[in-house]
């Protein structure tokens, strides 16, 4: 293996609705064991439907702004410098808690396969409010062993 660097101007970048993704590590250097993406969440972005991953863990490091995470009926506000972990089987969603400013998170997925979900979101067209249509998002999630959370 080779030590790799992704500079601030490198990485696959794409937009999905009010979120910009940058793939920082596609997992190719570590046999797909993990992947890392930077996600810039537009002001007030409402987030994906609450969901459960069946085949991967996810962590979120809040770089800037504040991000509200929901797991079941529990909510927590993660400020810059916070780390949130969503293990396999735990329901979760997240949104930009600030209606006036973007928030940035670095998201790791283990294994890296779920980076495909982020890429597939770029193919969806936003609804009239500028956000992605939740039913379409859930269809994409289903391709990646992710299902909606229904208490």
N, C-alpha and C. Protein backbone atom coordinates (compact mmCIF):
# COMPACT_ATOMS: atom_id res chain seq x y z
N UNK A 1 0.83 -1.18 0.00
CA UNK A 1 0.00 0.00 0.00
C UNK A 1 0.87 1.24 0.00
N UNK A 2 0.25 2.31 -0.44
CA UNK A 2 0.93 3.58 -0.54
C UNK A 2 0.19 4.62 0.29
N UNK A 3 0.91 5.40 1.04
CA UNK A 3 0.29 6.51 1.77
C UNK A 3 -0.21 7.51 0.73
N UNK A 4 -1.45 7.98 0.90
CA UNK A 4 -2.05 8.88 -0.08
C UNK A 4 -2.46 10.19 0.58
N UNK A 5 -2.42 11.24 -0.20
CA UNK A 5 -2.84 12.57 0.24
C UNK A 5 -3.92 13.06 -0.71
N UNK A 6 -4.99 13.60 -0.18
CA UNK A 6 -5.98 14.30 -0.99
C UNK A 6 -5.88 15.76 -0.59
N UNK A 7 -5.43 16.58 -1.51
CA UNK A 7 -5.25 18.00 -1.21
C UNK A 7 -6.60 18.71 -1.21
N UNK A 8 -6.65 19.96 -0.73
CA UNK A 8 -7.92 20.69 -0.69
C UNK A 8 -8.58 20.90 -2.06
N UNK A 9 -7.83 20.75 -3.14
CA UNK A 9 -8.41 20.96 -4.48
C UNK A 9 -8.62 19.64 -5.22
N UNK A 10 -8.40 18.51 -4.55
CA UNK A 10 -8.58 17.21 -5.19
C UNK A 10 -9.82 16.52 -4.64
N UNK A 11 -10.15 15.43 -5.26
CA UNK A 11 -11.29 14.63 -4.85
C UNK A 11 -12.44 14.81 -5.83
N UNK A 12 -13.17 13.76 -6.02
CA UNK A 12 -14.36 13.77 -6.88
C UNK A 12 -15.42 14.64 -6.21
N UNK A 13 -15.88 15.67 -6.91
CA UNK A 13 -16.86 16.60 -6.34
C UNK A 13 -18.13 16.60 -7.17
N UNK A 14 -19.28 16.61 -6.49
CA UNK A 14 -20.57 16.66 -7.17
C UNK A 14 -21.61 17.23 -6.21
N UNK A 15 -22.72 17.66 -6.79
CA UNK A 15 -23.78 18.29 -6.02
C UNK A 15 -25.06 17.48 -6.15
N UNK A 16 -25.78 17.43 -5.06
CA UNK A 16 -27.09 16.79 -5.02
C UNK A 16 -28.02 17.70 -4.24
N UNK A 17 -28.92 18.37 -4.94
CA UNK A 17 -29.77 19.35 -4.26
C UNK A 17 -28.89 20.39 -3.59
N UNK A 18 -29.16 20.72 -2.32
CA UNK A 18 -28.37 21.75 -1.64
C UNK A 18 -27.13 21.21 -0.91
N UNK A 19 -26.67 20.00 -1.29
CA UNK A 19 -25.50 19.40 -0.65
C UNK A 19 -24.40 19.21 -1.70
N UNK A 20 -23.19 19.60 -1.35
CA UNK A 20 -22.03 19.34 -2.20
C UNK A 20 -21.18 18.28 -1.52
N UNK A 21 -20.85 17.25 -2.28
CA UNK A 21 -20.03 16.14 -1.80
C UNK A 21 -18.65 16.22 -2.43
N UNK A 22 -17.64 15.84 -1.65
CA UNK A 22 -16.29 15.66 -2.19
C UNK A 22 -15.75 14.36 -1.62
N UNK A 23 -15.47 13.40 -2.48
CA UNK A 23 -14.92 12.13 -2.03
C UNK A 23 -13.45 12.35 -1.70
N UNK A 24 -13.11 12.20 -0.43
CA UNK A 24 -11.73 12.41 0.02
C UNK A 24 -10.91 11.14 -0.08
N UNK A 25 -11.57 9.99 0.11
CA UNK A 25 -10.89 8.70 -0.02
C UNK A 25 -11.93 7.69 -0.49
N UNK A 26 -11.71 7.12 -1.67
CA UNK A 26 -12.68 6.19 -2.26
C UNK A 26 -12.48 4.75 -1.79
N UNK A 27 -11.54 4.53 -0.89
CA UNK A 27 -11.30 3.19 -0.36
C UNK A 27 -10.41 2.32 -1.20
N UNK A 28 -10.00 2.78 -2.36
CA UNK A 28 -9.20 1.92 -3.25
C UNK A 28 -7.83 1.59 -2.67
N UNK A 29 -7.29 2.45 -1.82
CA UNK A 29 -5.98 2.19 -1.24
C UNK A 29 -6.01 1.27 -0.04
N UNK A 30 -7.23 0.94 0.44
CA UNK A 30 -7.37 0.09 1.63
C UNK A 30 -8.33 -1.07 1.36
N UNK A 31 -8.34 -1.52 0.13
CA UNK A 31 -9.18 -2.66 -0.26
C UNK A 31 -10.65 -2.45 0.10
N UNK A 32 -11.13 -1.22 0.04
CA UNK A 32 -12.54 -0.93 0.27
C UNK A 32 -13.00 -1.00 1.71
N UNK A 33 -12.06 -1.06 2.65
CA UNK A 33 -12.47 -1.19 4.06
C UNK A 33 -13.19 0.05 4.58
N UNK A 34 -12.90 1.23 4.03
CA UNK A 34 -13.61 2.44 4.41
C UNK A 34 -13.52 3.46 3.29
N UNK A 35 -14.37 4.45 3.37
CA UNK A 35 -14.35 5.59 2.45
C UNK A 35 -14.67 6.84 3.24
N UNK A 36 -14.27 7.99 2.69
CA UNK A 36 -14.46 9.26 3.40
C UNK A 36 -14.96 10.31 2.41
N UNK A 37 -15.99 11.05 2.84
CA UNK A 37 -16.53 12.14 2.01
C UNK A 37 -16.70 13.39 2.87
N UNK A 38 -16.45 14.52 2.25
CA UNK A 38 -16.78 15.80 2.85
C UNK A 38 -18.15 16.19 2.30
N UNK A 39 -19.04 16.65 3.18
CA UNK A 39 -20.40 17.03 2.78
C UNK A 39 -20.67 18.45 3.27
N UNK A 40 -20.93 19.34 2.34
CA UNK A 40 -21.29 20.71 2.70
C UNK A 40 -22.81 20.81 2.57
N UNK A 41 -23.46 20.98 3.71
CA UNK A 41 -24.92 21.00 3.79
C UNK A 41 -25.42 22.43 3.66
N UNK A 42 -26.29 22.66 2.70
CA UNK A 42 -26.83 24.00 2.49
C UNK A 42 -27.57 24.49 3.73
N UNK A 43 -27.73 25.82 3.87
CA UNK A 43 -28.45 26.38 5.01
C UNK A 43 -29.83 25.73 5.17
N UNK A 44 -30.13 25.28 6.39
CA UNK A 44 -31.43 24.71 6.68
C UNK A 44 -31.75 23.40 5.98
N UNK A 45 -30.76 22.76 5.36
CA UNK A 45 -31.01 21.51 4.65
C UNK A 45 -31.73 20.53 5.57
N UNK A 46 -32.88 19.96 5.14
CA UNK A 46 -33.68 19.13 6.03
C UNK A 46 -33.16 17.71 6.25
N UNK A 47 -32.24 17.25 5.43
CA UNK A 47 -31.65 15.92 5.61
C UNK A 47 -32.44 14.80 4.98
N UNK A 48 -31.87 13.61 4.98
CA UNK A 48 -32.55 12.45 4.39
C UNK A 48 -33.61 11.92 5.35
N UNK A 49 -34.50 11.07 4.86
CA UNK A 49 -35.44 10.41 5.77
C UNK A 49 -34.67 9.58 6.80
N UNK A 50 -35.21 9.46 8.00
CA UNK A 50 -34.54 8.63 9.02
C UNK A 50 -34.45 7.20 8.49
N UNK A 51 -33.28 6.58 8.70
CA UNK A 51 -33.01 5.29 8.07
C UNK A 51 -32.09 4.43 8.93
N UNK A 52 -31.95 3.17 8.50
CA UNK A 52 -31.10 2.19 9.18
C UNK A 52 -30.22 1.53 8.14
N UNK A 53 -28.91 1.49 8.41
CA UNK A 53 -27.97 0.80 7.54
C UNK A 53 -27.83 -0.64 8.02
N UNK A 54 -27.83 -1.58 7.10
CA UNK A 54 -27.71 -2.99 7.44
C UNK A 54 -26.33 -3.56 7.18
N UNK A 55 -25.49 -2.81 6.44
CA UNK A 55 -24.19 -3.37 6.07
C UNK A 55 -23.01 -2.42 6.27
N UNK A 56 -23.23 -1.26 6.86
CA UNK A 56 -22.08 -0.38 7.08
C UNK A 56 -22.31 0.55 8.26
N UNK A 57 -21.19 0.93 8.88
CA UNK A 57 -21.17 1.93 9.94
C UNK A 57 -20.88 3.28 9.31
N UNK A 58 -21.29 4.33 10.00
CA UNK A 58 -21.09 5.68 9.49
C UNK A 58 -20.68 6.58 10.65
N UNK A 59 -19.71 7.45 10.41
CA UNK A 59 -19.35 8.45 11.41
C UNK A 59 -19.37 9.81 10.75
N UNK A 60 -19.66 10.83 11.55
CA UNK A 60 -19.74 12.20 11.06
C UNK A 60 -18.91 13.09 11.98
N UNK A 61 -17.96 13.81 11.42
CA UNK A 61 -17.19 14.79 12.16
C UNK A 61 -17.66 16.16 11.67
N UNK A 62 -18.18 16.98 12.57
CA UNK A 62 -18.70 18.29 12.20
C UNK A 62 -17.52 19.27 12.15
N UNK A 63 -17.23 19.75 10.96
CA UNK A 63 -16.10 20.67 10.74
C UNK A 63 -16.53 22.10 11.02
N UNK A 64 -17.73 22.47 10.54
CA UNK A 64 -18.23 23.83 10.76
C UNK A 64 -19.75 23.80 10.83
N UNK A 65 -20.29 24.79 11.53
CA UNK A 65 -21.73 24.89 11.67
C UNK A 65 -22.25 23.98 12.77
N UNK A 66 -23.55 23.73 12.73
CA UNK A 66 -24.18 22.84 13.70
C UNK A 66 -25.13 21.91 12.96
N UNK A 67 -25.07 20.65 13.33
CA UNK A 67 -25.84 19.61 12.65
C UNK A 67 -26.70 18.90 13.69
N UNK A 68 -28.00 18.80 13.41
CA UNK A 68 -28.91 18.10 14.31
C UNK A 68 -29.03 16.65 13.85
N UNK A 69 -28.75 15.73 14.78
CA UNK A 69 -28.88 14.31 14.52
C UNK A 69 -30.09 13.79 15.27
N UNK A 70 -30.83 12.90 14.63
CA UNK A 70 -31.99 12.27 15.24
C UNK A 70 -31.81 10.77 15.14
N UNK A 71 -32.05 10.07 16.24
CA UNK A 71 -32.03 8.60 16.28
C UNK A 71 -33.29 8.16 17.00
N UNK A 72 -34.24 7.60 16.24
CA UNK A 72 -35.54 7.30 16.82
C UNK A 72 -36.20 8.61 17.18
N UNK A 73 -36.50 8.81 18.46
CA UNK A 73 -37.09 10.08 18.90
C UNK A 73 -36.07 10.96 19.64
N UNK A 74 -34.83 10.48 19.76
CA UNK A 74 -33.79 11.24 20.44
C UNK A 74 -33.11 12.20 19.47
N UNK A 75 -32.85 13.41 19.93
CA UNK A 75 -32.15 14.40 19.12
C UNK A 75 -30.92 14.90 19.86
N UNK A 76 -29.90 15.22 19.08
CA UNK A 76 -28.72 15.87 19.66
C UNK A 76 -28.18 16.86 18.67
N UNK A 77 -27.65 17.94 19.19
CA UNK A 77 -27.08 18.99 18.36
C UNK A 77 -25.56 18.86 18.41
N UNK A 78 -24.97 18.63 17.25
CA UNK A 78 -23.52 18.47 17.15
C UNK A 78 -22.92 19.76 16.59
N UNK A 79 -22.15 20.44 17.41
CA UNK A 79 -21.46 21.66 17.00
C UNK A 79 -20.12 21.31 16.36
N UNK A 80 -19.49 22.27 15.75
CA UNK A 80 -18.17 22.05 15.14
C UNK A 80 -17.23 21.42 16.17
N UNK A 81 -16.50 20.40 15.73
CA UNK A 81 -15.59 19.67 16.61
C UNK A 81 -16.20 18.41 17.19
N UNK A 82 -17.49 18.17 16.94
CA UNK A 82 -18.18 16.98 17.46
C UNK A 82 -18.06 15.81 16.50
N UNK A 83 -18.09 14.61 17.06
CA UNK A 83 -18.09 13.37 16.27
C UNK A 83 -19.34 12.58 16.65
N UNK A 84 -20.06 12.11 15.64
CA UNK A 84 -21.26 11.30 15.85
C UNK A 84 -21.07 9.98 15.11
N UNK A 85 -21.36 8.88 15.78
CA UNK A 85 -21.23 7.55 15.19
C UNK A 85 -22.59 6.91 15.07
N UNK A 86 -22.89 6.36 13.88
CA UNK A 86 -24.14 5.64 13.63
C UNK A 86 -23.77 4.21 13.23
N UNK A 87 -23.78 3.28 14.19
CA UNK A 87 -23.41 1.90 13.87
C UNK A 87 -24.51 1.18 13.10
N UNK A 88 -24.15 0.06 12.50
CA UNK A 88 -25.11 -0.77 11.78
C UNK A 88 -26.31 -1.02 12.68
N UNK A 89 -27.51 -0.83 12.11
CA UNK A 89 -28.74 -1.13 12.81
C UNK A 89 -29.34 0.00 13.62
N UNK A 90 -28.60 1.10 13.85
CA UNK A 90 -29.14 2.22 14.63
C UNK A 90 -29.81 3.23 13.71
N UNK A 91 -31.08 3.58 13.97
CA UNK A 91 -31.76 4.56 13.12
C UNK A 91 -31.13 5.93 13.29
N UNK A 92 -31.10 6.67 12.19
CA UNK A 92 -30.55 8.03 12.28
C UNK A 92 -30.92 8.85 11.05
N UNK A 93 -30.83 10.13 11.24
CA UNK A 93 -30.85 11.12 10.17
C UNK A 93 -30.14 12.34 10.71
N UNK A 94 -29.92 13.32 9.87
CA UNK A 94 -29.24 14.54 10.29
C UNK A 94 -29.67 15.67 9.37
N UNK A 95 -29.54 16.90 9.86
CA UNK A 95 -29.88 18.07 9.06
C UNK A 95 -29.00 19.23 9.48
N UNK A 96 -28.95 20.25 8.65
CA UNK A 96 -28.25 21.47 9.02
C UNK A 96 -29.17 22.24 9.95
N UNK A 97 -28.76 22.44 11.18
CA UNK A 97 -29.60 23.09 12.18
C UNK A 97 -29.68 24.60 12.00
N UNK A 98 -28.83 25.16 11.15
CA UNK A 98 -28.81 26.61 10.96
C UNK A 98 -29.49 26.97 9.65
N UNK A 99 -30.57 27.74 9.70
CA UNK A 99 -31.27 28.11 8.46
C UNK A 99 -30.54 29.16 7.63
N UNK A 100 -29.49 29.74 8.19
CA UNK A 100 -28.82 30.86 7.52
C UNK A 100 -27.40 30.59 7.05
N UNK A 101 -26.82 29.46 7.43
CA UNK A 101 -25.42 29.21 7.08
C UNK A 101 -25.21 27.74 6.75
N UNK A 102 -24.25 27.46 5.87
CA UNK A 102 -23.94 26.05 5.57
C UNK A 102 -23.25 25.39 6.76
N UNK A 103 -23.25 24.08 6.75
CA UNK A 103 -22.51 23.28 7.74
C UNK A 103 -21.69 22.28 6.94
N UNK A 104 -20.53 21.92 7.46
CA UNK A 104 -19.66 20.96 6.79
C UNK A 104 -19.40 19.79 7.73
N UNK A 105 -19.57 18.57 7.20
CA UNK A 105 -19.24 17.36 7.94
C UNK A 105 -18.30 16.50 7.08
N UNK A 106 -17.45 15.77 7.75
CA UNK A 106 -16.66 14.74 7.10
C UNK A 106 -17.28 13.42 7.54
N UNK A 107 -17.68 12.63 6.57
CA UNK A 107 -18.40 11.38 6.82
C UNK A 107 -17.54 10.20 6.39
N UNK A 108 -17.35 9.25 7.30
CA UNK A 108 -16.67 8.02 6.92
C UNK A 108 -17.68 6.89 6.89
N UNK A 109 -17.50 5.99 5.94
CA UNK A 109 -18.37 4.82 5.81
C UNK A 109 -17.49 3.58 5.79
N UNK A 110 -17.93 2.56 6.53
CA UNK A 110 -17.16 1.33 6.65
C UNK A 110 -18.07 0.15 6.39
N UNK A 111 -17.91 -0.55 5.27
CA UNK A 111 -16.95 -0.36 4.18
C UNK A 111 -17.35 0.79 3.24
N UNK A 112 -16.53 1.01 2.24
CA UNK A 112 -16.67 2.18 1.38
C UNK A 112 -17.84 2.10 0.40
N UNK A 113 -18.48 0.96 0.26
CA UNK A 113 -19.51 0.76 -0.75
C UNK A 113 -20.57 1.87 -0.71
N UNK A 114 -20.89 2.39 0.46
CA UNK A 114 -21.94 3.38 0.60
C UNK A 114 -21.61 4.71 -0.07
N UNK A 115 -20.35 4.94 -0.45
CA UNK A 115 -20.04 6.16 -1.21
C UNK A 115 -20.84 6.19 -2.50
N UNK A 116 -21.19 5.01 -3.03
CA UNK A 116 -22.02 4.93 -4.23
C UNK A 116 -23.38 5.58 -4.02
N UNK A 117 -23.91 5.49 -2.81
CA UNK A 117 -25.18 6.14 -2.49
C UNK A 117 -25.05 7.65 -2.72
N UNK A 118 -23.99 8.26 -2.20
CA UNK A 118 -23.79 9.69 -2.40
C UNK A 118 -23.72 10.02 -3.88
N UNK A 119 -22.97 9.22 -4.63
CA UNK A 119 -22.86 9.46 -6.08
C UNK A 119 -24.21 9.33 -6.77
N UNK A 120 -25.00 8.32 -6.39
CA UNK A 120 -26.30 8.11 -7.02
C UNK A 120 -27.27 9.24 -6.71
N UNK A 121 -27.13 9.89 -5.57
CA UNK A 121 -28.00 11.03 -5.25
C UNK A 121 -27.85 12.15 -6.26
N UNK A 122 -26.66 12.28 -6.83
CA UNK A 122 -26.41 13.35 -7.80
C UNK A 122 -27.27 13.19 -9.06
N UNK A 123 -27.81 11.99 -9.30
CA UNK A 123 -28.67 11.76 -10.46
C UNK A 123 -30.11 12.19 -10.22
N UNK A 124 -30.48 12.46 -8.97
CA UNK A 124 -31.85 12.85 -8.65
C UNK A 124 -32.04 14.35 -8.87
N UNK A 125 -33.24 14.74 -9.25
CA UNK A 125 -33.57 16.14 -9.43
C UNK A 125 -34.33 16.64 -8.21
N UNK A 126 -33.96 17.80 -7.72
CA UNK A 126 -34.66 18.36 -6.56
C UNK A 126 -36.13 18.65 -6.88
N UNK A 127 -36.95 18.63 -5.82
CA UNK A 127 -38.35 18.99 -5.94
C UNK A 127 -38.49 20.51 -5.99
N UNK A 128 -39.72 21.00 -5.99
CA UNK A 128 -39.96 22.45 -6.10
C UNK A 128 -39.34 23.27 -4.97
N UNK A 129 -39.15 22.64 -3.80
CA UNK A 129 -38.56 23.36 -2.66
C UNK A 129 -37.03 23.33 -2.67
N UNK A 130 -36.44 22.68 -3.68
CA UNK A 130 -34.98 22.60 -3.79
C UNK A 130 -34.38 21.39 -3.10
N UNK A 131 -35.18 20.68 -2.30
CA UNK A 131 -34.71 19.47 -1.62
C UNK A 131 -35.03 18.24 -2.48
N UNK A 132 -34.30 17.16 -2.23
CA UNK A 132 -34.59 15.92 -2.94
C UNK A 132 -35.90 15.33 -2.44
N UNK A 133 -36.58 14.60 -3.30
CA UNK A 133 -37.86 13.98 -2.97
C UNK A 133 -37.57 12.76 -2.08
N UNK A 134 -38.09 12.73 -0.84
CA UNK A 134 -37.77 11.64 0.09
C UNK A 134 -38.01 10.23 -0.48
N UNK A 135 -39.09 10.02 -1.21
CA UNK A 135 -39.36 8.69 -1.76
C UNK A 135 -38.26 8.26 -2.73
N UNK A 136 -37.73 9.19 -3.51
CA UNK A 136 -36.64 8.87 -4.43
C UNK A 136 -35.35 8.58 -3.67
N UNK A 137 -35.11 9.33 -2.61
CA UNK A 137 -33.92 9.09 -1.77
C UNK A 137 -33.99 7.69 -1.18
N UNK A 138 -35.16 7.30 -0.69
CA UNK A 138 -35.33 5.96 -0.11
C UNK A 138 -35.10 4.87 -1.15
N UNK A 139 -35.49 5.11 -2.40
CA UNK A 139 -35.23 4.14 -3.46
C UNK A 139 -33.73 3.95 -3.66
N UNK A 140 -32.98 5.04 -3.62
CA UNK A 140 -31.52 4.94 -3.77
C UNK A 140 -30.93 4.23 -2.55
N UNK A 141 -31.39 4.56 -1.36
CA UNK A 141 -30.89 3.91 -0.14
C UNK A 141 -31.05 2.40 -0.22
N UNK A 142 -32.17 1.94 -0.77
CA UNK A 142 -32.46 0.50 -0.84
C UNK A 142 -31.39 -0.25 -1.62
N UNK A 143 -30.75 0.41 -2.56
CA UNK A 143 -29.67 -0.22 -3.35
C UNK A 143 -28.44 -0.51 -2.48
N UNK A 144 -28.37 0.13 -1.32
CA UNK A 144 -27.19 0.04 -0.46
C UNK A 144 -27.54 -0.51 0.93
N UNK A 145 -28.43 -1.50 0.97
CA UNK A 145 -28.80 -2.19 2.22
C UNK A 145 -29.18 -1.20 3.32
N UNK A 146 -29.97 -0.20 2.92
CA UNK A 146 -30.43 0.82 3.85
C UNK A 146 -31.93 0.93 3.69
N UNK A 147 -32.63 0.94 4.82
CA UNK A 147 -34.08 0.98 4.77
C UNK A 147 -34.62 2.09 5.65
N UNK A 148 -35.84 2.55 5.36
CA UNK A 148 -36.41 3.60 6.19
C UNK A 148 -36.64 3.10 7.61
N UNK A 149 -36.53 4.01 8.55
CA UNK A 149 -36.80 3.67 9.95
C UNK A 149 -38.27 3.90 10.22
N UNK A 150 -38.93 2.87 10.69
CA UNK A 150 -40.34 2.96 11.08
C UNK A 150 -40.46 2.42 12.50
N UNK A 151 -40.69 3.32 13.46
CA UNK A 151 -40.76 2.86 14.87
C UNK A 151 -41.88 1.85 15.10
